[in-house]
Amino acid sequence: MQSMITAAQFLYTYKTPFFCILIFMSILSFSLYGIDKSKAQKGKWRISEKTLLLSAALFGGIGAFCGMYIFHHKTRHWYFRFFVPMFMVLQIAAVLFVIAAGN
């Protein structure tokens, strides 16, 4: 009989790739917010809001949140003020879940 793997077992087994993806996407999101702010100040072609939010949703919430407030970028748009912190909280909860699954 084949045993069913739980979500906790799966995440704990693959925690190293999970953390690597989380760190990579956070750095990428942070960089995207900084690049977009720089382009906005220079009047150049911008990174779309959809791309910025998508990078936050795809495990880059921590970097996006830091980028928003360090670069003072996209802080006036309600959907950024709502969704980016929400993504960050969900991703921190996932990290805590992975850590707790190992204990």
N, C-alpha and C. Protein backbone atom coordinates (compact mmCIF):
# COMPACT_ATOMS: atom_id res chain seq x y z
N MET A 1 0.84 -1.18 0.00
CA MET A 1 0.00 0.00 0.00
C MET A 1 0.89 1.25 0.00
N GLN A 2 0.57 2.17 -0.88
CA GLN A 2 1.35 3.40 -1.01
C GLN A 2 0.92 4.40 0.06
N SER A 3 1.91 4.94 0.77
CA SER A 3 1.57 5.89 1.83
C SER A 3 1.42 7.29 1.25
N MET A 4 0.53 8.04 1.83
CA MET A 4 0.26 9.40 1.39
C MET A 4 1.18 10.35 2.15
N ILE A 5 1.83 11.25 1.44
CA ILE A 5 2.71 12.22 2.09
C ILE A 5 1.89 13.46 2.43
N THR A 6 2.08 13.97 3.63
CA THR A 6 1.35 15.17 4.04
C THR A 6 2.07 16.42 3.54
N ALA A 7 1.38 17.54 3.57
CA ALA A 7 1.99 18.81 3.16
C ALA A 7 3.19 19.14 4.05
N ALA A 8 3.07 18.86 5.33
CA ALA A 8 4.17 19.15 6.25
C ALA A 8 5.39 18.30 5.92
N GLN A 9 5.17 17.02 5.62
CA GLN A 9 6.29 16.14 5.26
C GLN A 9 6.94 16.60 3.96
N PHE A 10 6.12 16.98 3.00
CA PHE A 10 6.64 17.43 1.70
C PHE A 10 7.51 18.67 1.87
N LEU A 11 6.98 19.67 2.58
CA LEU A 11 7.73 20.91 2.76
C LEU A 11 9.00 20.69 3.58
N TYR A 12 8.91 19.84 4.59
CA TYR A 12 10.10 19.58 5.39
C TYR A 12 11.16 18.85 4.56
N THR A 13 10.73 17.92 3.73
CA THR A 13 11.66 17.18 2.87
C THR A 13 12.35 18.11 1.89
N TYR A 14 11.62 19.05 1.35
CA TYR A 14 12.14 19.96 0.33
C TYR A 14 12.37 21.37 0.87
N LYS A 15 12.72 21.48 2.15
CA LYS A 15 12.85 22.80 2.76
C LYS A 15 14.01 23.61 2.19
N THR A 16 15.11 22.97 1.84
CA THR A 16 16.25 23.72 1.30
C THR A 16 15.89 24.40 -0.02
N PRO A 17 15.32 23.69 -1.01
CA PRO A 17 14.90 24.39 -2.23
C PRO A 17 13.84 25.47 -1.95
N PHE A 18 12.94 25.20 -1.01
CA PHE A 18 11.91 26.18 -0.65
C PHE A 18 12.54 27.47 -0.16
N PHE A 19 13.51 27.36 0.76
CA PHE A 19 14.17 28.56 1.28
C PHE A 19 15.01 29.25 0.21
N CYS A 20 15.64 28.48 -0.66
CA CYS A 20 16.43 29.09 -1.75
C CYS A 20 15.53 29.88 -2.70
N ILE A 21 14.38 29.31 -3.04
CA ILE A 21 13.43 30.01 -3.91
C ILE A 21 12.92 31.27 -3.22
N LEU A 22 12.60 31.16 -1.95
CA LEU A 22 12.11 32.32 -1.18
C LEU A 22 13.14 33.44 -1.15
N ILE A 23 14.39 33.11 -0.89
CA ILE A 23 15.45 34.12 -0.85
C ILE A 23 15.69 34.72 -2.22
N PHE A 24 15.76 33.87 -3.25
CA PHE A 24 15.99 34.36 -4.62
C PHE A 24 14.86 35.30 -5.04
N MET A 25 13.61 34.90 -4.83
CA MET A 25 12.48 35.72 -5.26
C MET A 25 12.39 37.02 -4.46
N SER A 26 12.77 36.98 -3.19
CA SER A 26 12.76 38.21 -2.40
C SER A 26 13.80 39.20 -2.90
N ILE A 27 14.98 38.70 -3.23
CA ILE A 27 16.03 39.57 -3.79
C ILE A 27 15.59 40.12 -5.14
N LEU A 28 14.99 39.26 -5.97
CA LEU A 28 14.51 39.69 -7.28
C LEU A 28 13.42 40.77 -7.14
N SER A 29 12.46 40.54 -6.25
CA SER A 29 11.38 41.51 -6.05
C SER A 29 11.92 42.84 -5.54
N PHE A 30 12.81 42.77 -4.56
CA PHE A 30 13.42 43.99 -4.02
C PHE A 30 14.11 44.76 -5.15
N SER A 31 14.85 44.05 -5.99
CA SER A 31 15.56 44.69 -7.11
C SER A 31 14.59 45.30 -8.11
N LEU A 32 13.49 44.60 -8.41
CA LEU A 32 12.50 45.13 -9.35
C LEU A 32 11.91 46.44 -8.85
N TYR A 33 11.61 46.52 -7.56
CA TYR A 33 11.05 47.75 -7.00
C TYR A 33 12.07 48.89 -7.08
N GLY A 34 13.33 48.59 -6.81
CA GLY A 34 14.38 49.60 -6.91
C GLY A 34 14.60 50.07 -8.33
N ILE A 35 14.62 49.13 -9.28
CA ILE A 35 14.80 49.48 -10.70
C ILE A 35 13.64 50.31 -11.20
N ASP A 36 12.40 49.90 -10.82
CA ASP A 36 11.23 50.64 -11.28
C ASP A 36 11.21 52.05 -10.70
N LYS A 37 11.61 52.21 -9.46
CA LYS A 37 11.66 53.55 -8.86
C LYS A 37 12.68 54.43 -9.59
N SER A 38 13.83 53.85 -9.90
CA SER A 38 14.87 54.59 -10.63
C SER A 38 14.37 55.00 -12.01
N LYS A 39 13.69 54.08 -12.69
CA LYS A 39 13.16 54.40 -14.02
C LYS A 39 12.07 55.46 -13.94
N ALA A 40 11.28 55.41 -12.89
CA ALA A 40 10.21 56.41 -12.72
C ALA A 40 10.81 57.80 -12.54
N GLN A 41 11.88 57.91 -11.78
CA GLN A 41 12.52 59.20 -11.54
C GLN A 41 13.17 59.75 -12.80
N LYS A 42 13.62 58.85 -13.69
CA LYS A 42 14.28 59.27 -14.93
C LYS A 42 13.32 59.39 -16.10
N GLY A 43 12.05 59.07 -15.88
CA GLY A 43 11.06 59.16 -16.94
C GLY A 43 11.23 58.11 -18.02
N LYS A 44 11.79 56.97 -17.68
CA LYS A 44 12.03 55.90 -18.65
C LYS A 44 10.92 54.86 -18.61
N TRP A 45 11.03 53.88 -19.51
CA TRP A 45 10.09 52.76 -19.56
C TRP A 45 10.08 52.05 -18.23
N ARG A 46 8.88 51.68 -17.75
CA ARG A 46 8.70 51.15 -16.41
C ARG A 46 8.39 49.67 -16.40
N ILE A 47 8.58 49.06 -15.25
CA ILE A 47 8.16 47.69 -15.02
C ILE A 47 6.67 47.74 -14.68
N SER A 48 5.88 46.86 -15.28
CA SER A 48 4.43 46.92 -15.07
C SER A 48 4.06 46.59 -13.62
N GLU A 49 2.95 47.17 -13.18
CA GLU A 49 2.46 46.90 -11.83
C GLU A 49 2.12 45.43 -11.67
N LYS A 50 1.62 44.84 -12.74
CA LYS A 50 1.29 43.41 -12.72
C LYS A 50 2.53 42.57 -12.43
N THR A 51 3.65 42.93 -13.03
CA THR A 51 4.91 42.20 -12.80
C THR A 51 5.38 42.39 -11.37
N LEU A 52 5.26 43.60 -10.85
CA LEU A 52 5.69 43.86 -9.47
C LEU A 52 4.85 43.06 -8.48
N LEU A 53 3.53 43.03 -8.68
CA LEU A 53 2.66 42.27 -7.78
C LEU A 53 2.87 40.76 -7.94
N LEU A 54 3.09 40.32 -9.18
CA LEU A 54 3.32 38.90 -9.42
C LEU A 54 4.61 38.43 -8.74
N SER A 55 5.65 39.26 -8.80
CA SER A 55 6.91 38.89 -8.14
C SER A 55 6.71 38.78 -6.63
N ALA A 56 5.85 39.63 -6.07
CA ALA A 56 5.55 39.55 -4.64
C ALA A 56 4.76 38.29 -4.32
N ALA A 57 3.83 37.94 -5.18
CA ALA A 57 2.99 36.76 -4.95
C ALA A 57 3.78 35.46 -5.08
N LEU A 58 4.75 35.44 -5.97
CA LEU A 58 5.53 34.22 -6.21
C LEU A 58 6.74 34.17 -5.28
N PHE A 59 6.48 34.18 -4.01
CA PHE A 59 7.48 34.04 -2.94
C PHE A 59 8.46 35.20 -2.84
N GLY A 60 8.07 36.38 -3.32
CA GLY A 60 8.92 37.55 -3.18
C GLY A 60 8.31 38.62 -2.30
N GLY A 61 7.36 38.24 -1.47
CA GLY A 61 6.64 39.20 -0.64
C GLY A 61 7.50 39.98 0.32
N ILE A 62 8.48 39.31 0.91
CA ILE A 62 9.35 39.98 1.88
C ILE A 62 10.20 41.04 1.17
N GLY A 63 10.78 40.68 0.05
CA GLY A 63 11.58 41.62 -0.72
C GLY A 63 10.76 42.76 -1.28
N ALA A 64 9.55 42.45 -1.74
CA ALA A 64 8.67 43.49 -2.28
C ALA A 64 8.27 44.48 -1.19
N PHE A 65 7.95 43.96 -0.01
CA PHE A 65 7.58 44.83 1.11
C PHE A 65 8.74 45.75 1.48
N CYS A 66 9.92 45.17 1.59
CA CYS A 66 11.11 45.98 1.92
C CYS A 66 11.38 47.01 0.82
N GLY A 67 11.27 46.60 -0.43
CA GLY A 67 11.49 47.50 -1.55
C GLY A 67 10.50 48.65 -1.59
N MET A 68 9.23 48.34 -1.28
CA MET A 68 8.21 49.39 -1.26
C MET A 68 8.57 50.50 -0.29
N TYR A 69 9.02 50.12 0.89
CA TYR A 69 9.24 51.11 1.92
C TYR A 69 10.65 51.68 1.95
N ILE A 70 11.62 50.95 1.49
CA ILE A 70 12.98 51.50 1.40
C ILE A 70 13.07 52.49 0.25
N PHE A 71 12.47 52.13 -0.90
CA PHE A 71 12.51 53.02 -2.07
C PHE A 71 11.33 53.98 -2.11
N HIS A 72 10.41 53.89 -1.15
CA HIS A 72 9.19 54.72 -1.14
C HIS A 72 8.49 54.63 -2.49
N HIS A 73 8.22 53.39 -2.90
CA HIS A 73 7.67 53.15 -4.23
C HIS A 73 6.39 52.34 -4.14
N LYS A 74 5.36 52.82 -4.80
CA LYS A 74 4.04 52.17 -4.87
C LYS A 74 3.34 52.13 -3.52
N THR A 75 3.69 53.03 -2.64
CA THR A 75 3.07 53.04 -1.31
C THR A 75 1.73 53.77 -1.28
N ARG A 76 1.38 54.45 -2.35
CA ARG A 76 0.10 55.18 -2.39
C ARG A 76 -1.02 54.36 -3.02
N HIS A 77 -0.68 53.29 -3.71
CA HIS A 77 -1.70 52.46 -4.36
C HIS A 77 -2.27 51.48 -3.35
N TRP A 78 -3.60 51.50 -3.19
CA TRP A 78 -4.24 50.66 -2.17
C TRP A 78 -3.95 49.19 -2.39
N TYR A 79 -3.92 48.77 -3.65
CA TYR A 79 -3.73 47.35 -3.92
C TYR A 79 -2.31 46.89 -3.59
N PHE A 80 -1.33 47.76 -3.66
CA PHE A 80 0.02 47.42 -3.22
C PHE A 80 0.08 47.40 -1.69
N ARG A 81 -0.55 48.39 -1.06
CA ARG A 81 -0.56 48.44 0.40
C ARG A 81 -1.31 47.27 1.02
N PHE A 82 -2.26 46.69 0.28
CA PHE A 82 -3.02 45.54 0.79
C PHE A 82 -2.34 44.22 0.43
N PHE A 83 -2.06 44.00 -0.85
CA PHE A 83 -1.60 42.69 -1.31
C PHE A 83 -0.16 42.37 -0.94
N VAL A 84 0.74 43.33 -1.03
CA VAL A 84 2.15 43.02 -0.73
C VAL A 84 2.32 42.60 0.73
N PRO A 85 1.77 43.32 1.72
CA PRO A 85 1.90 42.82 3.09
C PRO A 85 1.19 41.47 3.29
N MET A 86 0.06 41.27 2.60
CA MET A 86 -0.64 39.99 2.71
C MET A 86 0.24 38.85 2.19
N PHE A 87 0.89 39.06 1.03
CA PHE A 87 1.79 38.03 0.50
C PHE A 87 2.94 37.78 1.46
N MET A 88 3.47 38.85 2.04
CA MET A 88 4.58 38.70 2.97
C MET A 88 4.16 37.89 4.19
N VAL A 89 3.00 38.18 4.76
CA VAL A 89 2.52 37.45 5.94
C VAL A 89 2.30 35.98 5.60
N LEU A 90 1.70 35.71 4.46
CA LEU A 90 1.48 34.32 4.05
C LEU A 90 2.80 33.57 3.86
N GLN A 91 3.79 34.25 3.32
CA GLN A 91 5.08 33.61 3.10
C GLN A 91 5.83 33.40 4.40
N ILE A 92 5.72 34.33 5.32
CA ILE A 92 6.32 34.14 6.65
C ILE A 92 5.63 32.98 7.37
N ALA A 93 4.31 32.90 7.22
CA ALA A 93 3.57 31.77 7.81
C ALA A 93 4.03 30.45 7.22
N ALA A 94 4.29 30.43 5.90
CA ALA A 94 4.79 29.20 5.26
C ALA A 94 6.16 28.83 5.82
N VAL A 95 7.01 29.81 6.03
CA VAL A 95 8.34 29.56 6.60
C VAL A 95 8.20 28.98 8.00
N LEU A 96 7.35 29.57 8.82
CA LEU A 96 7.14 29.08 10.18
C LEU A 96 6.56 27.66 10.16
N PHE A 97 5.69 27.40 9.21
CA PHE A 97 5.10 26.06 9.05
C PHE A 97 6.18 25.04 8.71
N VAL A 98 7.07 25.40 7.81
CA VAL A 98 8.17 24.49 7.43
C VAL A 98 9.08 24.23 8.62
N ILE A 99 9.39 25.27 9.37
CA ILE A 99 10.26 25.10 10.54
C ILE A 99 9.57 24.24 11.59
N ALA A 100 8.28 24.50 11.82
CA ALA A 100 7.53 23.72 12.81
C ALA A 100 7.35 22.27 12.38
N ALA A 101 7.26 22.04 11.08
CA ALA A 101 7.08 20.68 10.57
C ALA A 101 8.30 19.81 10.87
N GLY A 102 9.45 20.42 11.02
CA GLY A 102 10.67 19.67 11.30
C GLY A 102 10.81 19.29 12.76
N ASN A 103 10.00 19.87 13.62
CA ASN A 103 10.11 19.59 15.06
C ASN A 103 9.11 18.58 15.52
